[in-house]
Amino acid sequence: MGVQQRIINVLIALDQLAWVLLTLGRGHPDETISAAAWRMEQQGKIAGRVFRPLVDLLFRPIEKDHCYKAWLSEVQRAQLPSVYRG
């Protein structure tokens, strides 16, 4: 595993921790803020309708549709090591 992948892993872990802290422990512990924003928007929740556009705007210089891609990554279990993917 290269240095770049290690940095990405740490950033994902911090994002997941931030989500759990922001929700006072009610958030899914392995869900990122971006994925949660997409999920909540699809569920019609006000928080999703507020946060999803803000997060996507923040990540716009890096990638388009960041929250959707983060949610899709969660659904496809892309962050899991291959030994856990069955």
PDB file of N, CA and C in Angstrom:
ATOM      1  N   MET A   1       0.854  -1.172   0.000  1.00  0.00           N
ATOM      2  CA  MET A   1       0.000   0.000   0.000  1.00  0.00           C
ATOM      3  C   MET A   1       0.900   1.235   0.000  1.00  0.00           C
ATOM      4  N   GLY A   2       0.631   2.121  -0.937  1.00  0.00           N
ATOM      5  CA  GLY A   2       1.442   3.318  -1.060  1.00  0.00           C
ATOM      6  C   GLY A   2       1.037   4.417  -0.088  1.00  0.00           C
ATOM      7  N   VAL A   3       1.869   5.443  -0.036  1.00  0.00           N
ATOM      8  CA  VAL A   3       1.632   6.571   0.872  1.00  0.00           C
ATOM      9  C   VAL A   3       0.320   7.276   0.531  1.00  0.00           C
ATOM     10  N   GLN A   4       0.051   7.449  -0.746  1.00  0.00           N
ATOM     11  CA  GLN A   4      -1.183   8.138  -1.150  1.00  0.00           C
ATOM     12  C   GLN A   4      -2.417   7.381  -0.645  1.00  0.00           C
ATOM     13  N   GLN A   5      -2.429   6.062  -0.774  1.00  0.00           N
ATOM     14  CA  GLN A   5      -3.568   5.273  -0.303  1.00  0.00           C
ATOM     15  C   GLN A   5      -3.691   5.351   1.211  1.00  0.00           C
ATOM     16  N   ARG A   6      -2.574   5.391   1.901  1.00  0.00           N
ATOM     17  CA  ARG A   6      -2.613   5.514   3.362  1.00  0.00           C
ATOM     18  C   ARG A   6      -3.236   6.843   3.777  1.00  0.00           C
ATOM     19  N   ILE A   7      -2.883   7.905   3.069  1.00  0.00           N
ATOM     20  CA  ILE A   7      -3.452   9.225   3.361  1.00  0.00           C
ATOM     21  C   ILE A   7      -4.963   9.206   3.118  1.00  0.00           C
ATOM     22  N   ILE A   8      -5.376   8.609   2.008  1.00  0.00           N
ATOM     23  CA  ILE A   8      -6.809   8.507   1.709  1.00  0.00           C
ATOM     24  C   ILE A   8      -7.527   7.724   2.802  1.00  0.00           C
ATOM     25  N   ASN A   9      -6.924   6.625   3.255  1.00  0.00           N
ATOM     26  CA  ASN A   9      -7.530   5.817   4.322  1.00  0.00           C
ATOM     27  C   ASN A   9      -7.713   6.625   5.601  1.00  0.00           C
ATOM     28  N   VAL A  10      -6.713   7.427   5.954  1.00  0.00           N
ATOM     29  CA  VAL A  10      -6.804   8.255   7.166  1.00  0.00           C
ATOM     30  C   VAL A  10      -7.901   9.308   7.004  1.00  0.00           C
ATOM     31  N   LEU A  11      -7.983   9.929   5.832  1.00  0.00           N
ATOM     32  CA  LEU A  11      -9.018  10.941   5.595  1.00  0.00           C
ATOM     33  C   LEU A  11     -10.422  10.337   5.664  1.00  0.00           C
ATOM     34  N   ILE A  12     -10.594   9.141   5.118  1.00  0.00           N
ATOM     35  CA  ILE A  12     -11.895   8.466   5.197  1.00  0.00           C
ATOM     36  C   ILE A  12     -12.240   8.157   6.645  1.00  0.00           C
ATOM     37  N   ALA A  13     -11.262   7.668   7.402  1.00  0.00           N
ATOM     38  CA  ALA A  13     -11.504   7.346   8.818  1.00  0.00           C
ATOM     39  C   ALA A  13     -11.889   8.593   9.611  1.00  0.00           C
ATOM     40  N   LEU A  14     -11.225   9.714   9.341  1.00  0.00           N
ATOM     41  CA  LEU A  14     -11.554  10.967  10.027  1.00  0.00           C
ATOM     42  C   LEU A  14     -12.956  11.444   9.650  1.00  0.00           C
ATOM     43  N   ASP A  15     -13.309  11.278   8.384  1.00  0.00           N
ATOM     44  CA  ASP A  15     -14.643  11.642   7.910  1.00  0.00           C
ATOM     45  C   ASP A  15     -15.706  10.809   8.627  1.00  0.00           C
ATOM     46  N   GLN A  16     -15.468   9.518   8.740  1.00  0.00           N
ATOM     47  CA  GLN A  16     -16.415   8.639   9.429  1.00  0.00           C
ATOM     48  C   GLN A  16     -16.531   9.006  10.906  1.00  0.00           C
ATOM     49  N   LEU A  17     -15.407   9.304  11.529  1.00  0.00           N
ATOM     50  CA  LEU A  17     -15.422   9.729  12.931  1.00  0.00           C
ATOM     51  C   LEU A  17     -16.205  11.032  13.088  1.00  0.00           C
ATOM     52  N   ALA A  18     -15.966  11.973  12.183  1.00  0.00           N
ATOM     53  CA  ALA A  18     -16.676  13.253  12.244  1.00  0.00           C
ATOM     54  C   ALA A  18     -18.183  13.037  12.133  1.00  0.00           C
ATOM     55  N   TRP A  19     -18.607  12.123  11.267  1.00  0.00           N
ATOM     56  CA  TRP A  19     -20.039  11.850  11.106  1.00  0.00           C
ATOM     57  C   TRP A  19     -20.642  11.323  12.401  1.00  0.00           C
ATOM     58  N   VAL A  20     -19.963  10.376  13.031  1.00  0.00           N
ATOM     59  CA  VAL A  20     -20.475   9.807  14.286  1.00  0.00           C
ATOM     60  C   VAL A  20     -20.513  10.879  15.376  1.00  0.00           C
ATOM     61  N   LEU A  21     -19.494  11.730  15.429  1.00  0.00           N
ATOM     62  CA  LEU A  21     -19.474  12.794  16.433  1.00  0.00           C
ATOM     63  C   LEU A  21     -20.577  13.821  16.173  1.00  0.00           C
ATOM     64  N   LEU A  22     -20.767  14.198  14.909  1.00  0.00           N
ATOM     65  CA  LEU A  22     -21.810  15.173  14.566  1.00  0.00           C
ATOM     66  C   LEU A  22     -23.208  14.667  14.907  1.00  0.00           C
ATOM     67  N   THR A  23     -23.399  13.372  14.815  1.00  0.00           N
ATOM     68  CA  THR A  23     -24.722  12.797  15.093  1.00  0.00           C
ATOM     69  C   THR A  23     -24.831  12.293  16.526  1.00  0.00           C
ATOM     70  N   LEU A  24     -23.834  12.608  17.338  1.00  0.00           N
ATOM     71  CA  LEU A  24     -23.809  12.183  18.741  1.00  0.00           C
ATOM     72  C   LEU A  24     -23.975  10.671  18.881  1.00  0.00           C
ATOM     73  N   GLY A  25     -23.330   9.950  17.983  1.00  0.00           N
ATOM     74  CA  GLY A  25     -23.332   8.495  18.047  1.00  0.00           C
ATOM     75  C   GLY A  25     -24.461   7.812  17.313  1.00  0.00           C
ATOM     76  N   ARG A  26     -25.380   8.590  16.737  1.00  0.00           N
ATOM     77  CA  ARG A  26     -26.513   7.979  16.027  1.00  0.00           C
ATOM     78  C   ARG A  26     -26.178   7.614  14.586  1.00  0.00           C
ATOM     79  N   GLY A  27     -25.084   8.168  14.045  1.00  0.00           N
ATOM     80  CA  GLY A  27     -24.711   7.880  12.664  1.00  0.00           C
ATOM     81  C   GLY A  27     -24.091   6.505  12.515  1.00  0.00           C
ATOM     82  N   HIS A  28     -24.180   5.957  11.315  1.00  0.00           N
ATOM     83  CA  HIS A  28     -23.545   4.670  11.044  1.00  0.00           C
ATOM     84  C   HIS A  28     -22.033   4.852  11.138  1.00  0.00           C
ATOM     85  N   PRO A  29     -21.328   4.045  11.923  1.00  0.00           N
ATOM     86  CA  PRO A  29     -19.909   4.279  12.184  1.00  0.00           C
ATOM     87  C   PRO A  29     -18.995   4.153  10.972  1.00  0.00           C
ATOM     88  N   ASP A  30     -19.423   3.489   9.913  1.00  0.00           N
ATOM     89  CA  ASP A  30     -18.551   3.405   8.744  1.00  0.00           C
ATOM     90  C   ASP A  30     -19.087   4.199   7.554  1.00  0.00           C
ATOM     91  N   GLU A  31     -20.015   5.117   7.803  1.00  0.00           N
ATOM     92  CA  GLU A  31     -20.577   5.957   6.748  1.00  0.00           C
ATOM     93  C   GLU A  31     -19.897   7.323   6.769  1.00  0.00           C
ATOM     94  N   THR A  32     -19.573   7.838   5.592  1.00  0.00           N
ATOM     95  CA  THR A  32     -18.966   9.166   5.517  1.00  0.00           C
ATOM     96  C   THR A  32     -20.057  10.238   5.521  1.00  0.00           C
ATOM     97  N   ILE A  33     -19.652  11.454   5.804  1.00  0.00           N
ATOM     98  CA  ILE A  33     -20.588  12.581   5.790  1.00  0.00           C
ATOM     99  C   ILE A  33     -21.201  12.731   4.400  1.00  0.00           C
ATOM    100  N   SER A  34     -20.386  12.584   3.371  1.00  0.00           N
ATOM    101  CA  SER A  34     -20.869  12.732   1.994  1.00  0.00           C
ATOM    102  C   SER A  34     -21.930  11.698   1.653  1.00  0.00           C
ATOM    103  N   ALA A  35     -21.666  10.437   1.976  1.00  0.00           N
ATOM    104  CA  ALA A  35     -22.632   9.371   1.694  1.00  0.00           C
ATOM    105  C   ALA A  35     -23.912   9.584   2.492  1.00  0.00           C
ATOM    106  N   ALA A  36     -23.776  10.003   3.732  1.00  0.00           N
ATOM    107  CA  ALA A  36     -24.948  10.256   4.572  1.00  0.00           C
ATOM    108  C   ALA A  36     -25.772  11.413   4.012  1.00  0.00           C
ATOM    109  N   ALA A  37     -25.105  12.443   3.502  1.00  0.00           N
ATOM    110  CA  ALA A  37     -25.818  13.587   2.929  1.00  0.00           C
ATOM    111  C   ALA A  37     -26.656  13.148   1.729  1.00  0.00           C
ATOM    112  N   TRP A  38     -26.074  12.322   0.865  1.00  0.00           N
ATOM    113  CA  TRP A  38     -26.822  11.815  -0.296  1.00  0.00           C
ATOM    114  C   TRP A  38     -28.007  10.962   0.156  1.00  0.00           C
ATOM    115  N   ARG A  39     -27.752  10.039   1.084  1.00  0.00           N
ATOM    116  CA  ARG A  39     -28.794   9.141   1.575  1.00  0.00           C
ATOM    117  C   ARG A  39     -29.945   9.937   2.191  1.00  0.00           C
ATOM    118  N   MET A  40     -29.609  10.909   3.025  1.00  0.00           N
ATOM    119  CA  MET A  40     -30.650  11.701   3.687  1.00  0.00           C
ATOM    120  C   MET A  40     -31.440  12.541   2.691  1.00  0.00           C
ATOM    121  N   GLU A  41     -30.767  13.065   1.671  1.00  0.00           N
ATOM    122  CA  GLU A  41     -31.495  13.831   0.652  1.00  0.00           C
ATOM    123  C   GLU A  41     -32.484  12.923  -0.081  1.00  0.00           C
ATOM    124  N   GLN A  42     -32.061  11.711  -0.409  1.00  0.00           N
ATOM    125  CA  GLN A  42     -32.941  10.761  -1.091  1.00  0.00           C
ATOM    126  C   GLN A  42     -34.119  10.351  -0.212  1.00  0.00           C
ATOM    127  N   GLN A  43     -33.935  10.399   1.096  1.00  0.00           N
ATOM    128  CA  GLN A  43     -35.011  10.081   2.038  1.00  0.00           C
ATOM    129  C   GLN A  43     -35.927  11.281   2.283  1.00  0.00           C
ATOM    130  N   GLY A  44     -35.596  12.419   1.664  1.00  0.00           N
ATOM    131  CA  GLY A  44     -36.416  13.612   1.794  1.00  0.00           C
ATOM    132  C   GLY A  44     -36.177  14.402   3.067  1.00  0.00           C
ATOM    133  N   LYS A  45     -35.082  14.131   3.736  1.00  0.00           N
ATOM    134  CA  LYS A  45     -34.794  14.828   4.990  1.00  0.00           C
ATOM    135  C   LYS A  45     -34.197  16.204   4.712  1.00  0.00           C
ATOM    136  N   ILE A  46     -34.575  17.164   5.542  1.00  0.00           N
ATOM    137  CA  ILE A  46     -34.096  18.540   5.385  1.00  0.00           C
ATOM    138  C   ILE A  46     -32.574  18.602   5.475  1.00  0.00           C
ATOM    139  N   ALA A  47     -31.991  17.874   6.410  1.00  0.00           N
ATOM    140  CA  ALA A  47     -30.531  17.888   6.567  1.00  0.00           C
ATOM    141  C   ALA A  47     -29.841  17.477   5.271  1.00  0.00           C
ATOM    142  N   GLY A  48     -30.382  16.493   4.586  1.00  0.00           N
ATOM    143  CA  GLY A  48     -29.810  16.061   3.315  1.00  0.00           C
ATOM    144  C   GLY A  48     -29.943  17.115   2.238  1.00  0.00           C
ATOM    145  N   ARG A  49     -31.094  17.790   2.218  1.00  0.00           N
ATOM    146  CA  ARG A  49     -31.307  18.838   1.217  1.00  0.00           C
ATOM    147  C   ARG A  49     -30.416  20.046   1.455  1.00  0.00           C
ATOM    148  N   VAL A  50     -29.954  20.212   2.691  1.00  0.00           N
ATOM    149  CA  VAL A  50     -29.047  21.320   3.016  1.00  0.00           C
ATOM    150  C   VAL A  50     -27.594  20.899   2.804  1.00  0.00           C
ATOM    151  N   PHE A  51     -27.213  19.765   3.392  1.00  0.00           N
ATOM    152  CA  PHE A  51     -25.803  19.365   3.386  1.00  0.00           C
ATOM    153  C   PHE A  51     -25.305  18.833   2.046  1.00  0.00           C
ATOM    154  N   ARG A  52     -26.130  18.075   1.314  1.00  0.00           N
ATOM    155  CA  ARG A  52     -25.658  17.485   0.059  1.00  0.00           C
ATOM    156  C   ARG A  52     -25.162  18.533  -0.930  1.00  0.00           C
ATOM    157  N   PRO A  53     -25.926  19.596  -1.197  1.00  0.00           N
ATOM    158  CA  PRO A  53     -25.412  20.609  -2.119  1.00  0.00           C
ATOM    159  C   PRO A  53     -24.145  21.302  -1.603  1.00  0.00           C
ATOM    160  N   LEU A  54     -24.067  21.523  -0.297  1.00  0.00           N
ATOM    161  CA  LEU A  54     -22.876  22.168   0.263  1.00  0.00           C
ATOM    162  C   LEU A  54     -21.640  21.290   0.119  1.00  0.00           C
ATOM    163  N   VAL A  55     -21.781  20.013   0.429  1.00  0.00           N
ATOM    164  CA  VAL A  55     -20.643  19.092   0.316  1.00  0.00           C
ATOM    165  C   VAL A  55     -20.235  18.945  -1.146  1.00  0.00           C
ATOM    166  N   ASP A  56     -21.215  18.798  -2.040  1.00  0.00           N
ATOM    167  CA  ASP A  56     -20.893  18.687  -3.463  1.00  0.00           C
ATOM    168  C   ASP A  56     -20.194  19.945  -3.969  1.00  0.00           C
ATOM    169  N   LEU A  57     -20.619  21.101  -3.505  1.00  0.00           N
ATOM    170  CA  LEU A  57     -19.971  22.354  -3.893  1.00  0.00           C
ATOM    171  C   LEU A  57     -18.531  22.401  -3.398  1.00  0.00           C
ATOM    172  N   LEU A  58     -18.316  21.958  -2.179  1.00  0.00           N
ATOM    173  CA  LEU A  58     -16.973  21.925  -1.606  1.00  0.00           C
ATOM    174  C   LEU A  58     -16.037  21.027  -2.421  1.00  0.00           C
ATOM    175  N   PHE A  59     -16.533  19.896  -2.883  1.00  0.00           N
ATOM    176  CA  PHE A  59     -15.709  18.938  -3.620  1.00  0.00           C
ATOM    177  C   PHE A  59     -15.734  19.152  -5.131  1.00  0.00           C
ATOM    178  N   ARG A  60     -16.499  20.112  -5.602  1.00  0.00           N
ATOM    179  CA  ARG A  60     -16.644  20.355  -7.044  1.00  0.00           C
ATOM    180  C   ARG A  60     -15.312  20.468  -7.785  1.00  0.00           C
ATOM    181  N   PRO A  61     -14.293  21.158  -7.231  1.00  0.00           N
ATOM    182  CA  PRO A  61     -13.014  21.229  -7.954  1.00  0.00           C
ATOM    183  C   PRO A  61     -12.326  19.866  -8.113  1.00  0.00           C
ATOM    184  N   ILE A  62     -12.666  18.920  -7.256  1.00  0.00           N
ATOM    185  CA  ILE A  62     -12.022  17.607  -7.287  1.00  0.00           C
ATOM    186  C   ILE A  62     -12.831  16.621  -8.130  1.00  0.00           C
ATOM    187  N   GLU A  63     -14.148  16.569  -7.912  1.00  0.00           N
ATOM    188  CA  GLU A  63     -14.995  15.663  -8.685  1.00  0.00           C
ATOM    189  C   GLU A  63     -16.445  16.131  -8.670  1.00  0.00           C
ATOM    190  N   LYS A  64     -17.148  15.795  -9.735  1.00  0.00           N
ATOM    191  CA  LYS A  64     -18.562  16.117  -9.850  1.00  0.00           C
ATOM    192  C   LYS A  64     -19.368  15.023  -9.143  1.00  0.00           C
ATOM    193  N   ASP A  65     -20.495  15.386  -8.549  1.00  0.00           N
ATOM    194  CA  ASP A  65     -21.399  14.439  -7.881  1.00  0.00           C
ATOM    195  C   ASP A  65     -20.701  13.653  -6.771  1.00  0.00           C
ATOM    196  N   HIS A  66     -19.931  14.333  -5.949  1.00  0.00           N
ATOM    197  CA  HIS A  66     -19.142  13.673  -4.898  1.00  0.00           C
ATOM    198  C   HIS A  66     -20.010  12.867  -3.938  1.00  0.00           C
ATOM    199  N   CYS A  67     -21.106  13.429  -3.475  1.00  0.00           N
ATOM    200  CA  CYS A  67     -21.941  12.728  -2.488  1.00  0.00           C
ATOM    201  C   CYS A  67     -22.541  11.457  -3.069  1.00  0.00           C
ATOM    202  N   TYR A  68     -23.019  11.520  -4.298  1.00  0.00           N
ATOM    203  CA  TYR A  68     -23.567  10.326  -4.936  1.00  0.00           C
ATOM    204  C   TYR A  68     -22.487   9.261  -5.065  1.00  0.00           C
ATOM    205  N   LYS A  69     -21.301   9.660  -5.501  1.00  0.00           N
ATOM    206  CA  LYS A  69     -20.205   8.698  -5.664  1.00  0.00           C
ATOM    207  C   LYS A  69     -19.780   8.111  -4.323  1.00  0.00           C
ATOM    208  N   ALA A  70     -19.808   8.916  -3.274  1.00  0.00           N
ATOM    209  CA  ALA A  70     -19.476   8.416  -1.936  1.00  0.00           C
ATOM    210  C   ALA A  70     -20.522   7.407  -1.477  1.00  0.00           C
ATOM    211  N   TRP A  71     -21.795   7.718  -1.719  1.00  0.00           N
ATOM    212  CA  TRP A  71     -22.873   6.793  -1.357  1.00  0.00           C
ATOM    213  C   TRP A  71     -22.751   5.492  -2.142  1.00  0.00           C
ATOM    214  N   LEU A  72     -22.500   5.596  -3.436  1.00  0.00           N
ATOM    215  CA  LEU A  72     -22.351   4.415  -4.282  1.00  0.00           C
ATOM    216  C   LEU A  72     -21.175   3.562  -3.818  1.00  0.00           C
ATOM    217  N   SER A  73     -20.099   4.213  -3.433  1.00  0.00           N
ATOM    218  CA  SER A  73     -18.934   3.500  -2.904  1.00  0.00           C
ATOM    219  C   SER A  73     -19.297   2.726  -1.642  1.00  0.00           C
ATOM    220  N   GLU A  74     -20.133   3.333  -0.796  1.00  0.00           N
ATOM    221  CA  GLU A  74     -20.580   2.651   0.425  1.00  0.00           C
ATOM    222  C   GLU A  74     -21.442   1.435   0.070  1.00  0.00           C
ATOM    223  N   VAL A  75     -22.376   1.622  -0.857  1.00  0.00           N
ATOM    224  CA  VAL A  75     -23.284   0.545  -1.250  1.00  0.00           C
ATOM    225  C   VAL A  75     -22.505  -0.620  -1.876  1.00  0.00           C
ATOM    226  N   GLN A  76     -21.496  -0.287  -2.664  1.00  0.00           N
ATOM    227  CA  GLN A  76     -20.684  -1.314  -3.321  1.00  0.00           C
ATOM    228  C   GLN A  76     -19.574  -1.851  -2.418  1.00  0.00           C
ATOM    229  N   ARG A  77     -19.490  -1.295  -1.219  1.00  0.00           N
ATOM    230  CA  ARG A  77     -18.477  -1.703  -0.236  1.00  0.00           C
ATOM    231  C   ARG A  77     -17.055  -1.558  -0.784  1.00  0.00           C
ATOM    232  N   ALA A  78     -16.826  -0.490  -1.520  1.00  0.00           N
ATOM    233  CA  ALA A  78     -15.543  -0.285  -2.188  1.00  0.00           C
ATOM    234  C   ALA A  78     -14.386  -0.055  -1.225  1.00  0.00           C
ATOM    235  N   GLN A  79     -14.653   0.450  -0.018  1.00  0.00           N
ATOM    236  CA  GLN A  79     -13.572   0.690   0.932  1.00  0.00           C
ATOM    237  C   GLN A  79     -13.136  -0.577   1.656  1.00  0.00           C
ATOM    238  N   LEU A  80     -13.948  -1.621   1.570  1.00  0.00           N
ATOM    239  CA  LEU A  80     -13.592  -2.850   2.273  1.00  0.00           C
ATOM    240  C   LEU A  80     -12.407  -3.538   1.603  1.00  0.00           C
ATOM    241  N   PRO A  81     -11.511  -4.084   2.388  1.00  0.00           N
ATOM    242  CA  PRO A  81     -10.437  -4.896   1.801  1.00  0.00           C
ATOM    243  C   PRO A  81     -11.048  -6.098   1.078  1.00  0.00           C
ATOM    244  N   SER A  82     -10.375  -6.586   0.071  1.00  0.00           N
ATOM    245  CA  SER A  82     -10.912  -7.684  -0.739  1.00  0.00           C
ATOM    246  C   SER A  82     -11.250  -8.916   0.094  1.00  0.00           C
ATOM    247  N   VAL A  83     -10.552  -9.143   1.197  1.00  0.00           N
ATOM    248  CA  VAL A  83     -10.828 -10.326   2.027  1.00  0.00           C
ATOM    249  C   VAL A  83     -12.208 -10.258   2.679  1.00  0.00           C
ATOM    250  N   TYR A  84     -12.819  -9.068   2.761  1.00  0.00           N
ATOM    251  CA  TYR A  84     -14.140  -8.913   3.375  1.00  0.00           C
ATOM    252  C   TYR A  84     -15.274  -8.822   2.354  1.00  0.00           C
ATOM    253  N   ARG A  85     -14.958  -8.797   1.082  1.00  0.00           N
ATOM    254  CA  ARG A  85     -15.984  -8.558   0.064  1.00  0.00           C
ATOM    255  C   ARG A  85     -16.718  -9.805  -0.411  1.00  0.00           C
ATOM    256  N   GLY A  86     -16.375 -10.957   0.014  1.00  0.00           N
ATOM    257  CA  GLY A  86     -17.104 -12.181  -0.341  1.00  0.00           C
ATOM    258  C   GLY A  86     -17.175 -12.511  -1.748  1.00  0.00           C
TER     259      GLY A  86
END
